[in-house]
Amino acid sequence: KNNNLKSKNDYLNWLKESNIDEDSFIEKVTQPYKLRKYCKEKYLHMVETKFLEKKTHLDQVVYSLIRLDNLDTASELFLRINEGETCFCKIAEKYSLGEESKTLGVVGPIPVNKGHPAIASMIRSLRPKEISSPFKVGSWWVLIRVEELIEAKLDEITEINITTELFDQWLDEESENIINNFQID
């Protein structure tokens, strides 16, 4: 299909021009499917446990952020937003001192744990659409509003990713064992 082959004869000519025999071609095409099937058969029983271990790293969030350099301004803007005088996005665009001013304050979707630990902790403590009071992160005063929390789900794609990760982990361990046990005579 990718090579616009419309007949068996086109296919055989393409194999000849590509200097590949049919068995090698079929092996190359089917290898990812075979590997996925093997991983599923070998590691499916471990997927749920691994998923639960990794879930906090798989959850994603979309949040709005305003970074300011002093507490008084941050407190005043927090009150203006909280009392409905203006919207978070306008304040972010006009006052935020970080790159998020270019996106109306919106960050994400990104993994919850990515970034500064204080921000990740605050995100976990807020409900969607709730605005944090100003808090210190490094040299900045920060306001955050969680727009959407996207919880990881154990779907087919996640299952494939985890079984493949478990296989890769086993492969790395086996390779390391072989290298460590290799002795030069």
C-alpha atoms as a PDB file:
ATOM      1  CA  LYS A   1       0.000   0.000   0.000  1.00  0.00           C
ATOM      2  CA  ASN A   2       2.786   2.457   0.937  1.00  0.00           C
ATOM      3  CA  ASN A   3       4.575   1.649  -2.327  1.00  0.00           C
ATOM      4  CA  ASN A   4       1.418   1.815  -4.470  1.00  0.00           C
ATOM      5  CA  LEU A   5       1.591  -1.865  -5.399  1.00  0.00           C
ATOM      6  CA  LYS A   6      -1.631  -2.947  -7.056  1.00  0.00           C
ATOM      7  CA  SER A   7      -0.933  -6.520  -8.073  1.00  0.00           C
ATOM      8  CA  LYS A   8       1.061  -9.585  -7.135  1.00  0.00           C
ATOM      9  CA  ASN A   9       3.346  -8.868 -10.082  1.00  0.00           C
ATOM     10  CA  ASP A  10       3.975  -5.283  -8.812  1.00  0.00           C
ATOM     11  CA  TYR A  11       4.793  -6.765  -5.422  1.00  0.00           C
ATOM     12  CA  LEU A  12       7.259  -9.323  -6.826  1.00  0.00           C
ATOM     13  CA  ASN A  13       8.946  -6.673  -8.972  1.00  0.00           C
ATOM     14  CA  TRP A  14       9.222  -4.369  -5.968  1.00  0.00           C
ATOM     15  CA  LEU A  15      10.847  -7.151  -3.914  1.00  0.00           C
ATOM     16  CA  LYS A  16      13.370  -7.730  -6.705  1.00  0.00           C
ATOM     17  CA  GLU A  17      14.135  -3.990  -7.072  1.00  0.00           C
ATOM     18  CA  SER A  18      14.483  -3.661  -3.299  1.00  0.00           C
ATOM     19  CA  ASN A  19      16.847  -6.629  -3.253  1.00  0.00           C
ATOM     20  CA  ILE A  20      14.844  -8.416  -0.563  1.00  0.00           C
ATOM     21  CA  ASP A  21      13.340 -11.891  -0.584  1.00  0.00           C
ATOM     22  CA  GLU A  22       9.729 -12.466   0.396  1.00  0.00           C
ATOM     23  CA  ASP A  23      10.530 -14.331   3.636  1.00  0.00           C
ATOM     24  CA  SER A  24      12.783 -11.505   4.865  1.00  0.00           C
ATOM     25  CA  PHE A  25      10.162  -8.919   3.955  1.00  0.00           C
ATOM     26  CA  ILE A  26       7.406 -10.785   5.794  1.00  0.00           C
ATOM     27  CA  GLU A  27       9.674 -11.254   8.823  1.00  0.00           C
ATOM     28  CA  LYS A  28      10.466  -7.517   8.872  1.00  0.00           C
ATOM     29  CA  VAL A  29       6.807  -6.527   8.562  1.00  0.00           C
ATOM     30  CA  THR A  30       5.497  -8.962  11.161  1.00  0.00           C
ATOM     31  CA  GLN A  31       8.274  -8.577  13.766  1.00  0.00           C
ATOM     32  CA  PRO A  32       6.625  -5.662  15.670  1.00  0.00           C
ATOM     33  CA  TYR A  33       3.361  -7.616  15.896  1.00  0.00           C
ATOM     34  CA  LYS A  34       5.154 -10.761  17.059  1.00  0.00           C
ATOM     35  CA  LEU A  35       7.042  -8.784  19.683  1.00  0.00           C
ATOM     36  CA  ARG A  36       3.845  -7.144  20.923  1.00  0.00           C
ATOM     37  CA  LYS A  37       2.144 -10.536  21.103  1.00  0.00           C
ATOM     38  CA  TYR A  38       5.091 -12.035  22.982  1.00  0.00           C
ATOM     39  CA  CYS A  39       5.170  -9.130  25.440  1.00  0.00           C
ATOM     40  CA  LYS A  40       1.452  -9.461  26.055  1.00  0.00           C
ATOM     41  CA  GLU A  41       1.661 -13.221  26.626  1.00  0.00           C
ATOM     42  CA  LYS A  42       4.689 -12.928  28.905  1.00  0.00           C
ATOM     43  CA  TYR A  43       3.884  -9.771  30.911  1.00  0.00           C
ATOM     44  CA  LEU A  44       0.130  -9.130  30.811  1.00  0.00           C
ATOM     45  CA  HIS A  45      -0.288 -10.552  34.337  1.00  0.00           C
ATOM     46  CA  MET A  46       2.031  -7.782  35.650  1.00  0.00           C
ATOM     47  CA  VAL A  47       0.419  -4.836  33.868  1.00  0.00           C
ATOM     48  CA  GLU A  48      -2.143  -3.759  36.463  1.00  0.00           C
ATOM     49  CA  THR A  49       0.400  -3.705  39.304  1.00  0.00           C
ATOM     50  CA  LYS A  50       2.912  -1.764  37.192  1.00  0.00           C
ATOM     51  CA  PHE A  51       0.186   0.638  36.068  1.00  0.00           C
ATOM     52  CA  LEU A  52      -0.806   1.382  39.660  1.00  0.00           C
ATOM     53  CA  GLU A  53       2.862   1.952  40.572  1.00  0.00           C
ATOM     54  CA  LYS A  54       3.296   4.389  37.670  1.00  0.00           C
ATOM     55  CA  LYS A  55      -0.132   6.036  37.669  1.00  0.00           C
ATOM     56  CA  THR A  56       1.001   9.244  39.355  1.00  0.00           C
ATOM     57  CA  HIS A  57       3.623   9.630  36.607  1.00  0.00           C
ATOM     58  CA  LEU A  58       1.075   8.938  33.878  1.00  0.00           C
ATOM     59  CA  ASP A  59      -1.640  11.355  35.050  1.00  0.00           C
ATOM     60  CA  GLN A  60      -1.630  14.613  33.097  1.00  0.00           C
ATOM     61  CA  VAL A  61      -2.865  18.085  33.815  1.00  0.00           C
ATOM     62  CA  VAL A  62      -3.737  21.286  32.016  1.00  0.00           C
ATOM     63  CA  TYR A  63      -3.313  24.288  34.286  1.00  0.00           C
ATOM     64  CA  SER A  64      -3.022  28.030  34.131  1.00  0.00           C
ATOM     65  CA  LEU A  65      -0.032  29.743  35.688  1.00  0.00           C
ATOM     66  CA  ILE A  66       0.962  33.291  36.574  1.00  0.00           C
ATOM     67  CA  ARG A  67       4.506  34.041  37.769  1.00  0.00           C
ATOM     68  CA  LEU A  68       5.181  37.317  39.529  1.00  0.00           C
ATOM     69  CA  ASP A  69       8.135  38.814  41.344  1.00  0.00           C
ATOM     70  CA  ASN A  70       6.387  40.169  44.459  1.00  0.00           C
ATOM     71  CA  LEU A  71       3.747  39.007  46.901  1.00  0.00           C
ATOM     72  CA  ASP A  72       1.718  42.236  46.969  1.00  0.00           C
ATOM     73  CA  THR A  73       1.034  42.152  43.219  1.00  0.00           C
ATOM     74  CA  ALA A  74       0.320  38.418  43.369  1.00  0.00           C
ATOM     75  CA  SER A  75      -2.154  38.912  46.242  1.00  0.00           C
ATOM     76  CA  GLU A  76      -3.930  41.791  44.492  1.00  0.00           C
ATOM     77  CA  LEU A  77      -4.262  39.823  41.240  1.00  0.00           C
ATOM     78  CA  PHE A  78      -5.462  36.734  43.152  1.00  0.00           C
ATOM     79  CA  LEU A  79      -8.269  38.823  44.691  1.00  0.00           C
ATOM     80  CA  ARG A  80      -9.222  40.381  41.341  1.00  0.00           C
ATOM     81  CA  ILE A  81      -9.467  36.952  39.699  1.00  0.00           C
ATOM     82  CA  ASN A  82     -11.187  35.299  42.664  1.00  0.00           C
ATOM     83  CA  GLU A  83     -13.823  38.059  42.892  1.00  0.00           C
ATOM     84  CA  GLY A  84     -14.539  37.826  39.157  1.00  0.00           C
ATOM     85  CA  GLU A  85     -13.269  41.319  38.274  1.00  0.00           C
ATOM     86  CA  THR A  86     -11.155  39.864  35.477  1.00  0.00           C
ATOM     87  CA  CYS A  87     -10.259  36.503  34.030  1.00  0.00           C
ATOM     88  CA  PHE A  88      -7.145  34.475  34.712  1.00  0.00           C
ATOM     89  CA  CYS A  89      -6.061  34.497  31.054  1.00  0.00           C
ATOM     90  CA  LYS A  90      -6.048  38.299  30.758  1.00  0.00           C
ATOM     91  CA  ILE A  91      -4.040  38.656  33.969  1.00  0.00           C
ATOM     92  CA  ALA A  92      -1.596  35.967  32.799  1.00  0.00           C
ATOM     93  CA  GLU A  93      -1.114  37.669  29.442  1.00  0.00           C
ATOM     94  CA  LYS A  94      -0.609  41.121  30.956  1.00  0.00           C
ATOM     95  CA  TYR A  95       1.295  40.417  34.196  1.00  0.00           C
ATOM     96  CA  SER A  96       2.952  36.997  34.115  1.00  0.00           C
ATOM     97  CA  LEU A  97       6.735  37.242  33.886  1.00  0.00           C
ATOM     98  CA  GLY A  98       7.253  33.766  32.409  1.00  0.00           C
ATOM     99  CA  GLU A  99       6.805  32.211  28.975  1.00  0.00           C
ATOM    100  CA  GLU A 100       3.226  31.275  29.911  1.00  0.00           C
ATOM    101  CA  SER A 101       2.214  34.905  29.257  1.00  0.00           C
ATOM    102  CA  LYS A 102       2.338  34.006  25.543  1.00  0.00           C
ATOM    103  CA  THR A 103      -0.206  31.194  26.018  1.00  0.00           C
ATOM    104  CA  LEU A 104      -2.605  33.180  28.225  1.00  0.00           C
ATOM    105  CA  GLY A 105      -1.131  31.285  31.162  1.00  0.00           C
ATOM    106  CA  VAL A 106      -2.120  27.833  29.917  1.00  0.00           C
ATOM    107  CA  VAL A 107       0.383  25.005  30.410  1.00  0.00           C
ATOM    108  CA  GLY A 108      -0.108  21.430  29.238  1.00  0.00           C
ATOM    109  CA  PRO A 109      -1.297  18.856  28.992  1.00  0.00           C
ATOM    110  CA  ILE A 110       1.819  17.606  30.763  1.00  0.00           C
ATOM    111  CA  PRO A 111       2.485  14.872  33.334  1.00  0.00           C
ATOM    112  CA  VAL A 112       1.520  16.128  36.794  1.00  0.00           C
ATOM    113  CA  ASN A 113       4.945  15.235  38.199  1.00  0.00           C
ATOM    114  CA  LYS A 114       6.859  17.103  35.499  1.00  0.00           C
ATOM    115  CA  GLY A 115       8.289  20.388  36.632  1.00  0.00           C
ATOM    116  CA  HIS A 116       8.816  21.899  40.037  1.00  0.00           C
ATOM    117  CA  PRO A 117       7.749  19.693  42.997  1.00  0.00           C
ATOM    118  CA  ALA A 118       5.964  22.614  44.726  1.00  0.00           C
ATOM    119  CA  ILE A 119       3.825  23.189  41.631  1.00  0.00           C
ATOM    120  CA  ALA A 120       3.040  19.451  41.314  1.00  0.00           C
ATOM    121  CA  SER A 121       2.064  19.366  44.991  1.00  0.00           C
ATOM    122  CA  MET A 122      -0.199  22.406  44.613  1.00  0.00           C
ATOM    123  CA  ILE A 123      -1.813  20.936  41.484  1.00  0.00           C
ATOM    124  CA  ARG A 124      -2.664  17.759  43.402  1.00  0.00           C
ATOM    125  CA  SER A 125      -4.297  19.786  46.192  1.00  0.00           C
ATOM    126  CA  LEU A 126      -6.583  21.838  43.905  1.00  0.00           C
ATOM    127  CA  ARG A 127      -9.908  20.916  42.370  1.00  0.00           C
ATOM    128  CA  PRO A 128     -10.510  21.863  38.722  1.00  0.00           C
ATOM    129  CA  LYS A 129     -11.159  25.622  38.296  1.00  0.00           C
ATOM    130  CA  GLU A 130      -9.929  26.331  41.849  1.00  0.00           C
ATOM    131  CA  ILE A 131      -7.246  29.030  42.103  1.00  0.00           C
ATOM    132  CA  SER A 132      -4.354  28.724  44.509  1.00  0.00           C
ATOM    133  CA  SER A 133      -3.499  31.628  46.736  1.00  0.00           C
ATOM    134  CA  PRO A 134      -0.023  33.017  45.924  1.00  0.00           C
ATOM    135  CA  PHE A 135       2.813  30.687  46.915  1.00  0.00           C
ATOM    136  CA  LYS A 136       6.574  30.869  46.576  1.00  0.00           C
ATOM    137  CA  VAL A 137       8.455  28.780  43.995  1.00  0.00           C
ATOM    138  CA  GLY A 138      12.119  29.726  43.872  1.00  0.00           C
ATOM    139  CA  SER A 139      12.261  33.479  43.321  1.00  0.00           C
ATOM    140  CA  TRP A 140       8.697  33.668  41.929  1.00  0.00           C
ATOM    141  CA  TRP A 141       5.280  34.155  43.474  1.00  0.00           C
ATOM    142  CA  VAL A 142       2.915  31.836  41.660  1.00  0.00           C
ATOM    143  CA  LEU A 143      -0.829  31.565  41.100  1.00  0.00           C
ATOM    144  CA  ILE A 144      -2.199  28.328  39.643  1.00  0.00           C
ATOM    145  CA  ARG A 145      -5.610  27.221  38.463  1.00  0.00           C
ATOM    146  CA  VAL A 146      -6.161  23.593  37.456  1.00  0.00           C
ATOM    147  CA  GLU A 147      -8.086  23.559  34.188  1.00  0.00           C
ATOM    148  CA  GLU A 148      -8.335  19.807  33.689  1.00  0.00           C
ATOM    149  CA  LEU A 149      -6.912  16.714  35.340  1.00  0.00           C
ATOM    150  CA  ILE A 150      -6.494  13.894  32.830  1.00  0.00           C
ATOM    151  CA  GLU A 151      -6.204  10.684  34.804  1.00  0.00           C
ATOM    152  CA  ALA A 152      -4.315   7.837  33.173  1.00  0.00           C
ATOM    153  CA  LYS A 153      -6.445   4.892  32.157  1.00  0.00           C
ATOM    154  CA  LEU A 154      -5.390   1.321  31.682  1.00  0.00           C
ATOM    155  CA  ASP A 155      -6.428   1.085  28.047  1.00  0.00           C
ATOM    156  CA  GLU A 156      -4.975  -1.043  25.248  1.00  0.00           C
ATOM    157  CA  ILE A 157      -2.254   1.460  24.340  1.00  0.00           C
ATOM    158  CA  THR A 158      -1.135   1.791  27.967  1.00  0.00           C
ATOM    159  CA  GLU A 159      -1.183  -1.999  28.263  1.00  0.00           C
ATOM    160  CA  ILE A 160       1.050  -2.337  25.175  1.00  0.00           C
ATOM    161  CA  ASN A 161       3.418   0.343  26.490  1.00  0.00           C
ATOM    162  CA  ILE A 162       3.732  -1.311  29.900  1.00  0.00           C
ATOM    163  CA  THR A 163       4.263  -4.841  28.547  1.00  0.00           C
ATOM    164  CA  THR A 164       6.896  -3.479  26.159  1.00  0.00           C
ATOM    165  CA  GLU A 165       8.550  -1.580  29.011  1.00  0.00           C
ATOM    166  CA  LEU A 166       8.630  -4.755  31.122  1.00  0.00           C
ATOM    167  CA  PHE A 167      10.185  -6.663  28.218  1.00  0.00           C
ATOM    168  CA  ASP A 168      12.790  -3.925  27.682  1.00  0.00           C
ATOM    169  CA  GLN A 169      13.581  -3.966  31.391  1.00  0.00           C
ATOM    170  CA  TRP A 170      14.084  -7.749  31.301  1.00  0.00           C
ATOM    171  CA  LEU A 171      16.217  -7.423  28.151  1.00  0.00           C
ATOM    172  CA  ASP A 172      18.427  -4.778  29.790  1.00  0.00           C
ATOM    173  CA  GLU A 173      18.887  -6.939  32.895  1.00  0.00           C
ATOM    174  CA  GLU A 174      19.716 -10.020  30.835  1.00  0.00           C
ATOM    175  CA  SER A 175      22.189  -8.063  28.693  1.00  0.00           C
ATOM    176  CA  GLU A 176      23.877  -6.677  31.783  1.00  0.00           C
ATOM    177  CA  ASN A 177      24.103 -10.177  33.317  1.00  0.00           C
ATOM    178  CA  ILE A 178      25.710 -11.549  30.158  1.00  0.00           C
ATOM    179  CA  ILE A 179      28.209  -8.676  30.024  1.00  0.00           C
ATOM    180  CA  ASN A 180      29.030  -8.986  33.728  1.00  0.00           C
ATOM    181  CA  ASN A 181      29.541 -12.741  33.421  1.00  0.00           C
ATOM    182  CA  PHE A 182      31.637 -12.485  30.290  1.00  0.00           C
ATOM    183  CA  GLN A 183      35.155 -13.632  31.004  1.00  0.00           C
ATOM    184  CA  ILE A 184      38.125 -13.195  28.768  1.00  0.00           C
ATOM    185  CA  ASP A 185      40.369 -16.290  28.610  1.00  0.00           C
END
